[in-house]
Amino acid sequence: MSVSPSEVSPALHRDLSVAVTSAAEVDERVRAFLGDRAAGVEQITVLSQTRYMDLSTSARRRLGIAPGQVHLNCGW
């Protein structure tokens, strides 16, 4: 049996930064962000987590993060 290149979809990896109140909500937030494209996401992994107070002022502004939130780098 042979498989043509059009029948095979290679695995892709994407990174996303998100500010959330807990890591538990990251799956829901990422899938909501992706909309219809979320159907192709098999797994969302938290790669790193930084608390609000551990971020610089400029990073807080850039991310739009608020006190009580954490910054997560996620991969899927």
Protein backbone atom coordinates (compact mmCIF):
# COMPACT_ATOMS: atom_id res chain seq x y z
CA MET A 1 0.00 0.00 0.00
CA SER A 2 1.39 3.41 -0.89
CA VAL A 3 0.43 6.74 0.61
CA SER A 4 0.60 9.95 -1.37
CA PRO A 5 1.92 13.13 0.31
CA SER A 6 -1.56 14.70 0.13
CA GLU A 7 -2.91 11.93 2.41
CA VAL A 8 -0.43 12.62 5.20
CA SER A 9 -0.62 15.68 7.43
CA PRO A 10 2.62 16.30 9.30
CA ALA A 11 2.49 17.25 12.96
CA LEU A 12 2.89 20.97 13.52
CA HIS A 13 3.96 22.79 16.65
CA ARG A 14 2.84 26.30 17.50
CA ASP A 15 3.57 28.52 20.50
CA LEU A 16 1.18 30.97 22.11
CA SER A 17 1.41 33.33 25.07
CA VAL A 18 -1.71 33.72 27.19
CA ALA A 19 -2.59 35.50 30.44
CA VAL A 20 -5.03 33.53 32.60
CA THR A 21 -6.11 33.33 36.23
CA SER A 22 -5.12 29.65 36.42
CA ALA A 23 -3.38 27.09 34.24
CA ALA A 24 -6.57 24.99 34.37
CA GLU A 25 -8.34 27.38 31.98
CA VAL A 26 -5.62 27.39 29.31
CA ASP A 27 -7.15 24.60 27.20
CA GLU A 28 -10.49 26.39 27.02
CA ARG A 29 -8.90 29.78 26.24
CA VAL A 30 -6.61 28.44 23.50
CA ARG A 31 -9.41 26.46 21.83
CA ALA A 32 -11.71 29.51 21.97
CA PHE A 33 -8.95 31.61 20.37
CA LEU A 34 -8.48 29.06 17.58
CA GLY A 35 -12.19 28.66 16.85
CA ASP A 36 -12.81 26.18 14.00
CA ARG A 37 -9.08 25.47 13.73
CA ALA A 38 -9.10 23.96 17.26
CA ALA A 39 -10.43 20.67 15.88
CA GLY A 40 -6.93 19.82 14.65
CA VAL A 41 -5.30 20.38 18.05
CA GLU A 42 -4.47 17.11 19.78
CA GLN A 43 -2.84 18.45 22.93
CA ILE A 44 -2.02 21.79 24.55
CA THR A 45 1.05 21.83 26.77
CA VAL A 46 2.10 24.55 29.21
CA LEU A 47 5.79 25.15 28.44
CA SER A 48 6.42 27.82 31.07
CA GLN A 49 4.52 29.84 33.65
CA THR A 50 5.38 33.29 35.06
CA ARG A 51 3.48 35.05 37.83
CA TYR A 52 2.34 38.65 37.33
CA MET A 53 4.73 40.01 39.97
CA ASP A 54 7.70 38.23 38.34
CA LEU A 55 7.20 40.05 35.02
CA SER A 56 8.73 43.41 34.20
CA THR A 57 6.43 46.42 33.87
CA SER A 58 6.95 46.52 30.10
CA ALA A 59 6.12 42.80 29.79
CA ARG A 60 2.95 43.31 31.85
CA ARG A 61 1.83 46.09 29.51
CA ARG A 62 2.71 44.16 26.36
CA LEU A 63 0.83 41.06 27.54
CA GLY A 64 -2.13 42.94 28.97
CA ILE A 65 -1.82 40.86 32.12
CA ALA A 66 -3.58 41.90 35.34
CA PRO A 67 -2.74 41.26 38.99
CA GLY A 68 -3.84 37.76 39.94
CA GLN A 69 -3.11 36.34 36.48
CA VAL A 70 -0.21 34.22 35.29
CA HIS A 71 1.53 34.31 31.92
CA LEU A 72 1.74 30.94 30.18
CA ASN A 73 3.73 29.95 27.15
CA CYS A 74 1.81 27.10 25.55
CA GLY A 75 2.56 24.74 22.74
CA TRP A 76 0.27 22.65 20.59
